[in-house]
C-alpha cells in the first residue's frame, strides 16, 4: 500500500496542507512498531516534493516522478532569481540521473490513499471531523484578453462605447451564475487587468484569467463550453473582439469505489456520520490516479477551513480520528489479504 502527501506549501501558507498526510501514516507505523505487529503487505509512506509548483512552473514534481511523468525539460526552468531547477537540485546535493530511478511499478501496489485537510469550510460548517472524497475535480484554465476601443470617458456616449472591461465584467457574472447551476462546479476569474488604464478613459483592453473546475470531465467541459460561448456572444453584442488561450487542463480523478468504501468502513467504525464530497483542490493522488486506484480522506480544518494561509489549522482530536481511521483501513486490508 502506498500513501503520502506533499511537504512543500505555498508562500506564507500554513503547516497542515500536505504534511498532515505524511504524519498520519507515520503515527500508524509508530503504533505498529510499538505493538510489534507486521502487516501482510508492505506499507510505503512518501513525502512528495513540490506539489504546489511555487518556485518553478511545474507542479507535482515528486508524485509525477514516482509514476514516471517527470519531463526533463523542466530542469531548464528558472525561478524568480534566474536559478534553474537543475542548478537548485545540484546545490541540494541531488543528481538528476536519479530521477528515473524512483519510478514505481504500479503492478506491485494495491493502491494509493491520501489523508489531507479539507482546505474549505464544508466539514466545519457541518460539524464533522472527517469527509470521504468521491473525486478530485478536473479543471481547465484560460488566459484571455478582450480588445475594444480606448476613448474619452466624458465625450463617448454610453451607446457608442467599445468597453473591454465591461465585457469581461459581464463574463465574470455569467461564470458565477453558470458554475452555481451545477452545484459542485466552480468558476473563478482570479486575474483582471486593464493595461495602462486611466480614470478618464473607456478601457480599450482588458486581460483576464478563467479557472473552471468540476467533479467529472463531462461536467467541466460543459461548463467551459457555455462560458466560452457566452464570451463570444458578449463580444459580438458589444462590438469588441477577444483572444483566449487554454493554459492548463487536468482530468478529474474519481476515487476507486473499493478504496472509497474502505475509507467509509473506517469512518463508520469510529461512529462518525459518513459525508461524501468532491475535492475542489488538486492533490498528489491525482497523479497516482493515472497508474493505480486511489481514494482520499479529508480532515476538518478550523478557522472556517482556511488554507494557503498561516491561520490554516486542525485540532488534535480530529487528527487523532484520522489516525484511527487509517488504522482501521490497515486492519481491514490486513484481514482481506489474509483471506
C-alpha atoms as a PDB file:
ATOM      1  CA  UNK A   1       0.000   0.000   0.000  1.00  0.00           C
ATOM      2  CA  UNK A   2       1.316   3.412  -0.971  1.00  0.00           C
ATOM      3  CA  UNK A   3       0.442   6.557   0.943  1.00  0.00           C
ATOM      4  CA  UNK A   4       1.813  10.050   1.497  1.00  0.00           C
ATOM      5  CA  UNK A   5       1.383  13.676   0.604  1.00  0.00           C
ATOM      6  CA  UNK A   6       3.490  16.775  -0.047  1.00  0.00           C
ATOM      7  CA  UNK A   7       5.751  18.627   2.395  1.00  0.00           C
ATOM      8  CA  UNK A   8       6.045  21.874   0.382  1.00  0.00           C
ATOM      9  CA  UNK A   9       3.448  24.610   0.719  1.00  0.00           C
ATOM     10  CA  UNK A  10       2.684  27.981  -0.829  1.00  0.00           C
ATOM     11  CA  UNK A  11       4.475  31.160   0.250  1.00  0.00           C
ATOM     12  CA  UNK A  12       3.059  32.411   3.552  1.00  0.00           C
ATOM     13  CA  UNK A  13       0.951  29.248   3.745  1.00  0.00           C
ATOM     14  CA  UNK A  14       0.013  27.009   6.662  1.00  0.00           C
ATOM     15  CA  UNK A  15       1.698  23.899   8.028  1.00  0.00           C
ATOM     16  CA  UNK A  16      -1.088  21.297   7.679  1.00  0.00           C
ATOM     17  CA  UNK A  17      -1.656  21.330   3.901  1.00  0.00           C
ATOM     18  CA  UNK A  18       0.177  18.220   2.696  1.00  0.00           C
ATOM     19  CA  UNK A  19       2.249  17.442   5.770  1.00  0.00           C
ATOM     20  CA  UNK A  20      -0.724  16.075   7.688  1.00  0.00           C
ATOM     21  CA  UNK A  21      -0.864  13.262   5.094  1.00  0.00           C
ATOM     22  CA  UNK A  22       2.752  12.336   5.879  1.00  0.00           C
ATOM     23  CA  UNK A  23       2.432  12.462   9.680  1.00  0.00           C
ATOM     24  CA  UNK A  24      -0.829  10.476   9.979  1.00  0.00           C
ATOM     25  CA  UNK A  25       0.562   7.273   8.373  1.00  0.00           C
ATOM     26  CA  UNK A  26       3.851   7.781  10.266  1.00  0.00           C
ATOM     27  CA  UNK A  27       1.839   7.707  13.514  1.00  0.00           C
ATOM     28  CA  UNK A  28       0.273   4.433  12.323  1.00  0.00           C
ATOM     29  CA  UNK A  29       3.712   2.945  11.572  1.00  0.00           C
ATOM     30  CA  UNK A  30       4.986   4.008  15.004  1.00  0.00           C
ATOM     31  CA  UNK A  31       1.992   2.290  16.640  1.00  0.00           C
ATOM     32  CA  UNK A  32       2.535  -0.902  14.594  1.00  0.00           C
ATOM     33  CA  UNK A  33       6.160  -0.953  15.752  1.00  0.00           C
ATOM     34  CA  UNK A  34       5.112  -0.363  19.372  1.00  0.00           C
ATOM     35  CA  UNK A  35       2.754  -3.353  19.121  1.00  0.00           C
ATOM     36  CA  UNK A  36       5.416  -5.446  17.363  1.00  0.00           C
ATOM     37  CA  UNK A  37       2.903  -6.056  14.552  1.00  0.00           C
ATOM     38  CA  UNK A  38       3.635  -6.903  10.924  1.00  0.00           C
ATOM     39  CA  UNK A  39       1.158  -6.310   8.108  1.00  0.00           C
ATOM     40  CA  UNK A  40       0.700  -8.989   5.403  1.00  0.00           C
ATOM     41  CA  UNK A  41       1.612  -6.321   2.802  1.00  0.00           C
ATOM     42  CA  UNK A  42       4.316  -3.670   2.504  1.00  0.00           C
ATOM     43  CA  UNK A  43       3.356  -0.159   3.603  1.00  0.00           C
ATOM     44  CA  UNK A  44       5.216   2.722   1.973  1.00  0.00           C
ATOM     45  CA  UNK A  45       4.941   6.339   3.179  1.00  0.00           C
ATOM     46  CA  UNK A  46       6.194   9.027   0.778  1.00  0.00           C
ATOM     47  CA  UNK A  47       6.816  12.741   1.313  1.00  0.00           C
ATOM     48  CA  UNK A  48       6.434  14.369  -2.097  1.00  0.00           C
ATOM     49  CA  UNK A  49       8.324  17.479  -3.199  1.00  0.00           C
ATOM     50  CA  UNK A  50       6.795  20.478  -4.971  1.00  0.00           C
ATOM     51  CA  UNK A  51       3.149  19.563  -5.366  1.00  0.00           C
ATOM     52  CA  UNK A  52       2.232  23.249  -5.370  1.00  0.00           C
ATOM     53  CA  UNK A  53       4.507  24.428  -8.209  1.00  0.00           C
ATOM     54  CA  UNK A  54       5.594  27.582  -6.398  1.00  0.00           C
ATOM     55  CA  UNK A  55       9.272  28.014  -7.209  1.00  0.00           C
ATOM     56  CA  UNK A  56       9.041  26.638 -10.752  1.00  0.00           C
ATOM     57  CA  UNK A  57       6.117  26.456 -13.175  1.00  0.00           C
ATOM     58  CA  UNK A  58       5.974  22.650 -12.992  1.00  0.00           C
ATOM     59  CA  UNK A  59       3.641  21.056 -10.426  1.00  0.00           C
ATOM     60  CA  UNK A  60       3.552  17.551  -8.899  1.00  0.00           C
ATOM     61  CA  UNK A  61       7.327  17.082  -9.282  1.00  0.00           C
ATOM     62  CA  UNK A  62       7.608  14.294  -6.675  1.00  0.00           C
ATOM     63  CA  UNK A  63       4.416  12.379  -7.421  1.00  0.00           C
ATOM     64  CA  UNK A  64       4.951  12.917 -11.160  1.00  0.00           C
ATOM     65  CA  UNK A  65       8.447  11.424 -10.988  1.00  0.00           C
ATOM     66  CA  UNK A  66       7.124   8.497  -8.950  1.00  0.00           C
ATOM     67  CA  UNK A  67       4.853   7.469 -11.847  1.00  0.00           C
ATOM     68  CA  UNK A  68       7.486   8.213 -14.499  1.00  0.00           C
ATOM     69  CA  UNK A  69       5.959  11.513 -15.671  1.00  0.00           C
ATOM     70  CA  UNK A  70       8.876  13.834 -14.951  1.00  0.00           C
ATOM     71  CA  UNK A  71       9.634  15.995 -18.002  1.00  0.00           C
ATOM     72  CA  UNK A  72      13.423  16.588 -18.266  1.00  0.00           C
ATOM     73  CA  UNK A  73      12.713  19.961 -19.929  1.00  0.00           C
ATOM     74  CA  UNK A  74      11.525  21.217 -16.518  1.00  0.00           C
ATOM     75  CA  UNK A  75      15.163  21.160 -15.369  1.00  0.00           C
ATOM     76  CA  UNK A  76      15.794  24.225 -17.560  1.00  0.00           C
ATOM     77  CA  UNK A  77      13.004  26.272 -15.951  1.00  0.00           C
ATOM     78  CA  UNK A  78      14.225  29.289 -13.990  1.00  0.00           C
ATOM     79  CA  UNK A  79      12.911  30.646 -10.693  1.00  0.00           C
ATOM     80  CA  UNK A  80      12.410  34.349  -9.901  1.00  0.00           C
ATOM     81  CA  UNK A  81      16.158  34.698  -9.209  1.00  0.00           C
ATOM     82  CA  UNK A  82      17.142  33.092 -12.514  1.00  0.00           C
ATOM     83  CA  UNK A  83      18.266  29.813 -10.883  1.00  0.00           C
ATOM     84  CA  UNK A  84      17.411  26.767 -12.981  1.00  0.00           C
ATOM     85  CA  UNK A  85      15.850  23.692 -11.431  1.00  0.00           C
ATOM     86  CA  UNK A  86      18.976  21.780 -12.470  1.00  0.00           C
ATOM     87  CA  UNK A  87      21.185  24.205 -10.513  1.00  0.00           C
ATOM     88  CA  UNK A  88      18.892  24.103  -7.479  1.00  0.00           C
ATOM     89  CA  UNK A  89      18.988  20.288  -7.467  1.00  0.00           C
ATOM     90  CA  UNK A  90      22.775  20.258  -7.736  1.00  0.00           C
ATOM     91  CA  UNK A  91      23.042  22.790  -4.887  1.00  0.00           C
ATOM     92  CA  UNK A  92      20.861  20.493  -2.733  1.00  0.00           C
ATOM     93  CA  UNK A  93      23.219  17.574  -3.433  1.00  0.00           C
ATOM     94  CA  UNK A  94      20.801  15.821  -5.776  1.00  0.00           C
ATOM     95  CA  UNK A  95      21.669  14.082  -9.040  1.00  0.00           C
ATOM     96  CA  UNK A  96      19.214  14.453 -11.945  1.00  0.00           C
ATOM     97  CA  UNK A  97      20.265  10.994 -13.146  1.00  0.00           C
ATOM     98  CA  UNK A  98      18.491   9.572 -10.062  1.00  0.00           C
ATOM     99  CA  UNK A  99      15.055  10.892 -11.111  1.00  0.00           C
ATOM    100  CA  UNK A 100      14.087   7.927 -13.357  1.00  0.00           C
ATOM    101  CA  UNK A 101      15.181   5.502 -10.597  1.00  0.00           C
ATOM    102  CA  UNK A 102      12.310   6.468  -8.304  1.00  0.00           C
ATOM    103  CA  UNK A 103       9.629   5.389 -10.775  1.00  0.00           C
ATOM    104  CA  UNK A 104       7.442   2.706  -9.158  1.00  0.00           C
ATOM    105  CA  UNK A 105       5.882  -0.307 -10.869  1.00  0.00           C
ATOM    106  CA  UNK A 106       2.105   0.079 -10.317  1.00  0.00           C
ATOM    107  CA  UNK A 107       1.629  -3.688 -10.625  1.00  0.00           C
ATOM    108  CA  UNK A 108       3.419  -4.089  -7.281  1.00  0.00           C
ATOM    109  CA  UNK A 109       0.945  -1.830  -5.430  1.00  0.00           C
ATOM    110  CA  UNK A 110      -2.526  -2.412  -4.024  1.00  0.00           C
ATOM    111  CA  UNK A 111      -3.347   1.285  -4.415  1.00  0.00           C
ATOM    112  CA  UNK A 112      -2.706   4.793  -3.062  1.00  0.00           C
ATOM    113  CA  UNK A 113      -4.515   6.514  -0.204  1.00  0.00           C
ATOM    114  CA  UNK A 114      -4.003  10.077   0.984  1.00  0.00           C
ATOM    115  CA  UNK A 115      -5.112  11.966   4.088  1.00  0.00           C
ATOM    116  CA  UNK A 116      -5.424  15.746   3.641  1.00  0.00           C
ATOM    117  CA  UNK A 117      -7.034  18.715   5.351  1.00  0.00           C
ATOM    118  CA  UNK A 118     -10.191  19.757   3.546  1.00  0.00           C
ATOM    119  CA  UNK A 119      -8.948  23.313   2.796  1.00  0.00           C
ATOM    120  CA  UNK A 120     -12.529  24.547   2.795  1.00  0.00           C
ATOM    121  CA  UNK A 121     -15.470  25.338   5.112  1.00  0.00           C
ATOM    122  CA  UNK A 122     -17.815  22.408   4.426  1.00  0.00           C
ATOM    123  CA  UNK A 123     -16.855  19.938   7.190  1.00  0.00           C
ATOM    124  CA  UNK A 124     -16.553  22.608   9.877  1.00  0.00           C
ATOM    125  CA  UNK A 125     -19.988  24.029   8.947  1.00  0.00           C
ATOM    126  CA  UNK A 126     -21.478  20.515   9.187  1.00  0.00           C
ATOM    127  CA  UNK A 127     -19.577  19.906  12.462  1.00  0.00           C
ATOM    128  CA  UNK A 128     -17.992  16.728  11.068  1.00  0.00           C
ATOM    129  CA  UNK A 129     -14.340  15.784  11.675  1.00  0.00           C
ATOM    130  CA  UNK A 130     -13.801  13.608   8.575  1.00  0.00           C
ATOM    131  CA  UNK A 131     -15.038  13.559   4.976  1.00  0.00           C
ATOM    132  CA  UNK A 132     -14.876  10.886   2.270  1.00  0.00           C
ATOM    133  CA  UNK A 133     -13.543  12.205  -1.046  1.00  0.00           C
ATOM    134  CA  UNK A 134     -15.584  10.994  -4.031  1.00  0.00           C
ATOM    135  CA  UNK A 135     -13.448  12.630  -6.759  1.00  0.00           C
ATOM    136  CA  UNK A 136     -10.758  15.227  -7.227  1.00  0.00           C
ATOM    137  CA  UNK A 137     -12.206  17.890  -9.502  1.00  0.00           C
ATOM    138  CA  UNK A 138     -10.958  18.201 -13.046  1.00  0.00           C
ATOM    139  CA  UNK A 139     -10.059  21.697 -14.183  1.00  0.00           C
ATOM    140  CA  UNK A 140      -9.310  23.849 -17.173  1.00  0.00           C
ATOM    141  CA  UNK A 141      -7.651  27.274 -17.164  1.00  0.00           C
ATOM    142  CA  UNK A 142      -7.588  30.021 -19.759  1.00  0.00           C
ATOM    143  CA  UNK A 143      -5.849  33.362 -20.150  1.00  0.00           C
ATOM    144  CA  UNK A 144      -7.666  35.849 -22.343  1.00  0.00           C
ATOM    145  CA  UNK A 145      -7.989  39.418 -23.467  1.00  0.00           C
ATOM    146  CA  UNK A 146     -10.896  41.484 -24.733  1.00  0.00           C
ATOM    147  CA  UNK A 147      -9.960  44.246 -27.211  1.00  0.00           C
ATOM    148  CA  UNK A 148     -12.299  47.222 -27.584  1.00  0.00           C
ATOM    149  CA  UNK A 149     -11.568  50.886 -28.285  1.00  0.00           C
ATOM    150  CA  UNK A 150      -9.994  53.260 -25.773  1.00  0.00           C
ATOM    151  CA  UNK A 151     -11.891  56.568 -25.865  1.00  0.00           C
ATOM    152  CA  UNK A 152     -12.654  59.656 -23.793  1.00  0.00           C
ATOM    153  CA  UNK A 153     -14.759  58.864 -20.702  1.00  0.00           C
ATOM    154  CA  UNK A 154     -16.516  62.222 -20.853  1.00  0.00           C
ATOM    155  CA  UNK A 155     -17.311  62.554 -24.531  1.00  0.00           C
ATOM    156  CA  UNK A 156     -18.104  58.972 -25.595  1.00  0.00           C
ATOM    157  CA  UNK A 157     -21.879  58.359 -25.283  1.00  0.00           C
ATOM    158  CA  UNK A 158     -22.864  55.152 -23.492  1.00  0.00           C
ATOM    159  CA  UNK A 159     -24.358  53.608 -26.643  1.00  0.00           C
ATOM    160  CA  UNK A 160     -21.170  54.214 -28.684  1.00  0.00           C
ATOM    161  CA  UNK A 161     -18.670  52.627 -26.342  1.00  0.00           C
ATOM    162  CA  UNK A 162     -16.449  49.616 -27.069  1.00  0.00           C
ATOM    163  CA  UNK A 163     -15.643  48.958 -23.376  1.00  0.00           C
ATOM    164  CA  UNK A 164     -13.376  45.926 -22.989  1.00  0.00           C
ATOM    165  CA  UNK A 165     -13.589  45.849 -19.167  1.00  0.00           C
ATOM    166  CA  UNK A 166     -17.397  45.986 -19.138  1.00  0.00           C
ATOM    167  CA  UNK A 167     -17.447  42.937 -21.452  1.00  0.00           C
ATOM    168  CA  UNK A 168     -15.201  40.990 -19.051  1.00  0.00           C
ATOM    169  CA  UNK A 169     -17.316  42.154 -16.093  1.00  0.00           C
ATOM    170  CA  UNK A 170     -20.338  40.621 -17.793  1.00  0.00           C
ATOM    171  CA  UNK A 171     -18.398  37.393 -18.366  1.00  0.00           C
ATOM    172  CA  UNK A 172     -17.418  37.235 -14.668  1.00  0.00           C
ATOM    173  CA  UNK A 173     -21.044  37.470 -13.575  1.00  0.00           C
ATOM    174  CA  UNK A 174     -22.107  34.853 -16.134  1.00  0.00           C
ATOM    175  CA  UNK A 175     -19.326  32.467 -14.973  1.00  0.00           C
ATOM    176  CA  UNK A 176     -20.500  32.869 -11.372  1.00  0.00           C
ATOM    177  CA  UNK A 177     -24.134  32.108 -12.260  1.00  0.00           C
ATOM    178  CA  UNK A 178     -23.350  29.229 -14.645  1.00  0.00           C
ATOM    179  CA  UNK A 179     -20.988  27.423 -12.219  1.00  0.00           C
ATOM    180  CA  UNK A 180     -23.564  27.752  -9.407  1.00  0.00           C
ATOM    181  CA  UNK A 181     -26.135  25.841 -11.512  1.00  0.00           C
ATOM    182  CA  UNK A 182     -24.116  22.602 -11.309  1.00  0.00           C
ATOM    183  CA  UNK A 183     -23.786  22.538  -7.535  1.00  0.00           C
ATOM    184  CA  UNK A 184     -20.257  21.149  -7.360  1.00  0.00           C
ATOM    185  CA  UNK A 185     -18.771  23.144 -10.266  1.00  0.00           C
ATOM    186  CA  UNK A 186     -16.738  26.289  -9.547  1.00  0.00           C
ATOM    187  CA  UNK A 187     -15.645  29.140 -11.803  1.00  0.00           C
ATOM    188  CA  UNK A 188     -13.181  31.905 -10.956  1.00  0.00           C
ATOM    189  CA  UNK A 189     -11.725  34.959 -12.656  1.00  0.00           C
ATOM    190  CA  UNK A 190      -8.706  35.496 -10.423  1.00  0.00           C
ATOM    191  CA  UNK A 191      -6.665  37.844 -12.605  1.00  0.00           C
ATOM    192  CA  UNK A 192      -8.059  41.024 -14.080  1.00  0.00           C
ATOM    193  CA  UNK A 193      -6.117  43.884 -15.618  1.00  0.00           C
ATOM    194  CA  UNK A 194      -6.804  46.986 -17.703  1.00  0.00           C
ATOM    195  CA  UNK A 195      -3.327  47.586 -19.188  1.00  0.00           C
ATOM    196  CA  UNK A 196      -2.263  51.244 -18.725  1.00  0.00           C
ATOM    197  CA  UNK A 197      -5.808  52.164 -17.720  1.00  0.00           C
ATOM    198  CA  UNK A 198      -6.755  55.717 -16.779  1.00  0.00           C
ATOM    199  CA  UNK A 199      -9.579  57.100 -14.657  1.00  0.00           C
ATOM    200  CA  UNK A 200     -10.963  59.128 -17.567  1.00  0.00           C
ATOM    201  CA  UNK A 201     -10.537  56.604 -20.389  1.00  0.00           C
ATOM    202  CA  UNK A 202     -13.022  53.934 -21.516  1.00  0.00           C
ATOM    203  CA  UNK A 203     -10.971  50.685 -21.248  1.00  0.00           C
ATOM    204  CA  UNK A 204      -9.712  49.634 -24.678  1.00  0.00           C
ATOM    205  CA  UNK A 205      -8.221  46.348 -23.429  1.00  0.00           C
ATOM    206  CA  UNK A 206      -8.886  44.016 -20.526  1.00  0.00           C
ATOM    207  CA  UNK A 207      -6.843  40.930 -19.649  1.00  0.00           C
ATOM    208  CA  UNK A 208      -8.345  38.147 -17.540  1.00  0.00           C
ATOM    209  CA  UNK A 209      -7.940  34.552 -16.405  1.00  0.00           C
ATOM    210  CA  UNK A 210     -10.544  31.785 -16.120  1.00  0.00           C
ATOM    211  CA  UNK A 211     -10.326  28.785 -13.783  1.00  0.00           C
ATOM    212  CA  UNK A 212     -13.164  26.259 -14.234  1.00  0.00           C
ATOM    213  CA  UNK A 213     -13.466  23.031 -12.213  1.00  0.00           C
ATOM    214  CA  UNK A 214     -15.964  20.173 -11.820  1.00  0.00           C
ATOM    215  CA  UNK A 215     -16.074  16.634 -10.323  1.00  0.00           C
ATOM    216  CA  UNK A 216     -16.004  14.945 -13.740  1.00  0.00           C
ATOM    217  CA  UNK A 217     -14.622  15.824 -17.163  1.00  0.00           C
ATOM    218  CA  UNK A 218     -18.024  15.977 -18.906  1.00  0.00           C
ATOM    219  CA  UNK A 219     -19.344  18.487 -16.368  1.00  0.00           C
ATOM    220  CA  UNK A 220     -16.129  20.519 -16.614  1.00  0.00           C
ATOM    221  CA  UNK A 221     -16.313  20.559 -20.426  1.00  0.00           C
ATOM    222  CA  UNK A 222     -19.986  21.566 -20.465  1.00  0.00           C
ATOM    223  CA  UNK A 223     -19.186  24.466 -18.120  1.00  0.00           C
ATOM    224  CA  UNK A 224     -16.234  25.544 -20.269  1.00  0.00           C
ATOM    225  CA  UNK A 225     -18.271  25.319 -23.490  1.00  0.00           C
ATOM    226  CA  UNK A 226     -21.017  27.510 -22.030  1.00  0.00           C
ATOM    227  CA  UNK A 227     -18.601  30.120 -20.650  1.00  0.00           C
ATOM    228  CA  UNK A 228     -16.671  30.371 -23.938  1.00  0.00           C
ATOM    229  CA  UNK A 229     -19.920  30.589 -25.938  1.00  0.00           C
ATOM    230  CA  UNK A 230     -21.092  33.407 -23.652  1.00  0.00           C
ATOM    231  CA  UNK A 231     -17.755  35.236 -24.100  1.00  0.00           C
ATOM    232  CA  UNK A 232     -18.291  35.093 -27.879  1.00  0.00           C
ATOM    233  CA  UNK A 233     -21.893  36.311 -27.577  1.00  0.00           C
ATOM    234  CA  UNK A 234     -20.982  39.188 -25.212  1.00  0.00           C
ATOM    235  CA  UNK A 235     -18.180  40.371 -27.508  1.00  0.00           C
ATOM    236  CA  UNK A 236     -20.386  40.214 -30.615  1.00  0.00           C
ATOM    237  CA  UNK A 237     -23.159  42.144 -28.901  1.00  0.00           C
ATOM    238  CA  UNK A 238     -20.763  44.816 -27.612  1.00  0.00           C
ATOM    239  CA  UNK A 239     -18.760  45.139 -30.829  1.00  0.00           C
ATOM    240  CA  UNK A 240     -15.445  44.115 -29.254  1.00  0.00           C
ATOM    241  CA  UNK A 241     -13.184  41.191 -30.074  1.00  0.00           C
ATOM    242  CA  UNK A 242     -11.376  38.676 -27.880  1.00  0.00           C
ATOM    243  CA  UNK A 243      -8.406  36.312 -27.772  1.00  0.00           C
ATOM    244  CA  UNK A 244      -8.348  33.313 -25.443  1.00  0.00           C
ATOM    245  CA  UNK A 245      -5.813  30.550 -24.865  1.00  0.00           C
ATOM    246  CA  UNK A 246      -6.127  27.352 -22.842  1.00  0.00           C
ATOM    247  CA  UNK A 247      -3.225  27.238 -20.363  1.00  0.00           C
ATOM    248  CA  UNK A 248      -3.976  24.094 -18.351  1.00  0.00           C
ATOM    249  CA  UNK A 249      -6.278  21.056 -18.456  1.00  0.00           C
ATOM    250  CA  UNK A 250      -6.400  18.391 -15.743  1.00  0.00           C
ATOM    251  CA  UNK A 251      -8.663  15.357 -15.779  1.00  0.00           C
ATOM    252  CA  UNK A 252     -10.934  14.635 -12.844  1.00  0.00           C
ATOM    253  CA  UNK A 253      -9.774  11.778 -10.627  1.00  0.00           C
ATOM    254  CA  UNK A 254     -12.771   9.809  -9.302  1.00  0.00           C
ATOM    255  CA  UNK A 255     -11.997   7.716  -6.221  1.00  0.00           C
ATOM    256  CA  UNK A 256     -11.716   3.970  -6.872  1.00  0.00           C
ATOM    257  CA  UNK A 257     -15.015   2.591  -5.457  1.00  0.00           C
ATOM    258  CA  UNK A 258     -13.368  -0.221  -3.472  1.00  0.00           C
ATOM    259  CA  UNK A 259     -10.920   2.200  -1.829  1.00  0.00           C
ATOM    260  CA  UNK A 260     -13.569   4.833  -1.149  1.00  0.00           C
ATOM    261  CA  UNK A 261     -15.592   2.076   0.587  1.00  0.00           C
ATOM    262  CA  UNK A 262     -12.576   1.148   2.741  1.00  0.00           C
ATOM    263  CA  UNK A 263     -12.399   4.727   3.997  1.00  0.00           C
ATOM    264  CA  UNK A 264     -16.178   4.678   4.539  1.00  0.00           C
ATOM    265  CA  UNK A 265     -15.976   1.490   6.631  1.00  0.00           C
ATOM    266  CA  UNK A 266     -13.127   3.013   8.667  1.00  0.00           C
ATOM    267  CA  UNK A 267     -15.027   6.248   9.372  1.00  0.00           C
ATOM    268  CA  UNK A 268     -18.209   4.296  10.118  1.00  0.00           C
ATOM    269  CA  UNK A 269     -16.315   2.078  12.598  1.00  0.00           C
ATOM    270  CA  UNK A 270     -15.435   5.234  14.568  1.00  0.00           C
ATOM    271  CA  UNK A 271     -19.143   6.119  14.822  1.00  0.00           C
ATOM    272  CA  UNK A 272     -18.719   9.253  12.686  1.00  0.00           C
ATOM    273  CA  UNK A 273     -21.534  10.075  10.225  1.00  0.00           C
ATOM    274  CA  UNK A 274     -20.441   9.448   6.632  1.00  0.00           C
ATOM    275  CA  UNK A 275     -20.175  12.542   4.482  1.00  0.00           C
ATOM    276  CA  UNK A 276     -19.078  12.249   0.859  1.00  0.00           C
ATOM    277  CA  UNK A 277     -17.690  15.260  -1.004  1.00  0.00           C
ATOM    278  CA  UNK A 278     -15.608  16.170  -4.059  1.00  0.00           C
ATOM    279  CA  UNK A 279     -12.184  17.781  -3.656  1.00  0.00           C
ATOM    280  CA  UNK A 280     -12.044  21.209  -5.256  1.00  0.00           C
ATOM    281  CA  UNK A 281      -8.260  21.375  -4.881  1.00  0.00           C
ATOM    282  CA  UNK A 282      -5.697  19.261  -6.720  1.00  0.00           C
ATOM    283  CA  UNK A 283      -3.637  16.660  -4.823  1.00  0.00           C
ATOM    284  CA  UNK A 284      -0.786  14.200  -5.405  1.00  0.00           C
ATOM    285  CA  UNK A 285      -3.484  11.489  -5.530  1.00  0.00           C
ATOM    286  CA  UNK A 286      -4.433  12.918  -8.972  1.00  0.00           C
ATOM    287  CA  UNK A 287      -1.043  11.860 -10.329  1.00  0.00           C
ATOM    288  CA  UNK A 288      -1.126   8.420  -8.704  1.00  0.00           C
ATOM    289  CA  UNK A 289      -4.659   8.013 -10.107  1.00  0.00           C
ATOM    290  CA  UNK A 290      -3.080   7.796 -13.568  1.00  0.00           C
ATOM    291  CA  UNK A 291      -1.443   4.465 -12.730  1.00  0.00           C
ATOM    292  CA  UNK A 292      -3.256   2.898  -9.737  1.00  0.00           C
ATOM    293  CA  UNK A 293      -6.525   3.052  -7.757  1.00  0.00           C
ATOM    294  CA  UNK A 294      -6.702   5.900  -5.235  1.00  0.00           C
ATOM    295  CA  UNK A 295      -9.003   7.396  -2.604  1.00  0.00           C
ATOM    296  CA  UNK A 296      -8.653  10.252  -0.142  1.00  0.00           C
ATOM    297  CA  UNK A 297      -9.820  11.123   3.372  1.00  0.00           C
ATOM    298  CA  UNK A 298     -10.432  14.760   4.358  1.00  0.00           C
ATOM    299  CA  UNK A 299      -9.837  16.119   7.838  1.00  0.00           C
ATOM    300  CA  UNK A 300     -11.749  19.176   9.065  1.00  0.00           C
ATOM    301  CA  UNK A 301      -9.844  22.444   9.242  1.00  0.00           C
ATOM    302  CA  UNK A 302     -10.677  25.118  11.815  1.00  0.00           C
ATOM    303  CA  UNK A 303     -10.879  28.908  11.214  1.00  0.00           C
ATOM    304  CA  UNK A 304     -13.594  28.226   8.594  1.00  0.00           C
ATOM    305  CA  UNK A 305     -11.289  25.671   6.967  1.00  0.00           C
ATOM    306  CA  UNK A 306      -8.968  28.396   5.671  1.00  0.00           C
ATOM    307  CA  UNK A 307      -5.902  27.133   3.797  1.00  0.00           C
ATOM    308  CA  UNK A 308      -2.866  28.563   1.978  1.00  0.00           C
ATOM    309  CA  UNK A 309      -2.786  30.975   4.914  1.00  0.00           C
ATOM    310  CA  UNK A 310      -0.893  30.941   8.270  1.00  0.00           C
ATOM    311  CA  UNK A 311      -4.297  30.605  10.035  1.00  0.00           C
ATOM    312  CA  UNK A 312      -4.676  27.116   8.490  1.00  0.00           C
ATOM    313  CA  UNK A 313      -5.123  24.644  11.344  1.00  0.00           C
ATOM    314  CA  UNK A 314      -6.794  21.486  12.613  1.00  0.00           C
ATOM    315  CA  UNK A 315      -7.310  20.016  16.082  1.00  0.00           C
ATOM    316  CA  UNK A 316      -5.520  17.194  17.907  1.00  0.00           C
ATOM    317  CA  UNK A 317      -8.861  15.400  18.274  1.00  0.00           C
ATOM    318  CA  UNK A 318      -9.680  15.487  14.557  1.00  0.00           C
ATOM    319  CA  UNK A 319      -6.159  14.413  13.602  1.00  0.00           C
ATOM    320  CA  UNK A 320      -6.357  11.555  16.130  1.00  0.00           C
ATOM    321  CA  UNK A 321      -9.597  10.404  14.476  1.00  0.00           C
ATOM    322  CA  UNK A 322      -7.814  10.458  11.096  1.00  0.00           C
ATOM    323  CA  UNK A 323      -5.044   8.275  12.571  1.00  0.00           C
ATOM    324  CA  UNK A 324      -7.626   5.851  13.957  1.00  0.00           C
ATOM    325  CA  UNK A 325      -9.479   5.753  10.605  1.00  0.00           C
ATOM    326  CA  UNK A 326      -6.178   4.934   8.886  1.00  0.00           C
ATOM    327  CA  UNK A 327      -5.529   2.158  11.423  1.00  0.00           C
ATOM    328  CA  UNK A 328      -8.981   0.726  10.660  1.00  0.00           C
ATOM    329  CA  UNK A 329      -8.187   0.809   6.940  1.00  0.00           C
ATOM    330  CA  UNK A 330      -4.877  -1.026   7.528  1.00  0.00           C
ATOM    331  CA  UNK A 331      -6.569  -3.658   9.706  1.00  0.00           C
ATOM    332  CA  UNK A 332      -9.366  -4.051   7.152  1.00  0.00           C
ATOM    333  CA  UNK A 333      -6.800  -4.569   4.400  1.00  0.00           C
ATOM    334  CA  UNK A 334      -4.760  -6.998   6.520  1.00  0.00           C
ATOM    335  CA  UNK A 335      -7.884  -9.143   7.057  1.00  0.00           C
ATOM    336  CA  UNK A 336      -8.650  -9.064   3.312  1.00  0.00           C
ATOM    337  CA  UNK A 337      -5.085 -10.037   2.392  1.00  0.00           C
ATOM    338  CA  UNK A 338      -5.028 -12.864   4.948  1.00  0.00           C
ATOM    339  CA  UNK A 339      -8.030 -14.423   3.216  1.00  0.00           C
END
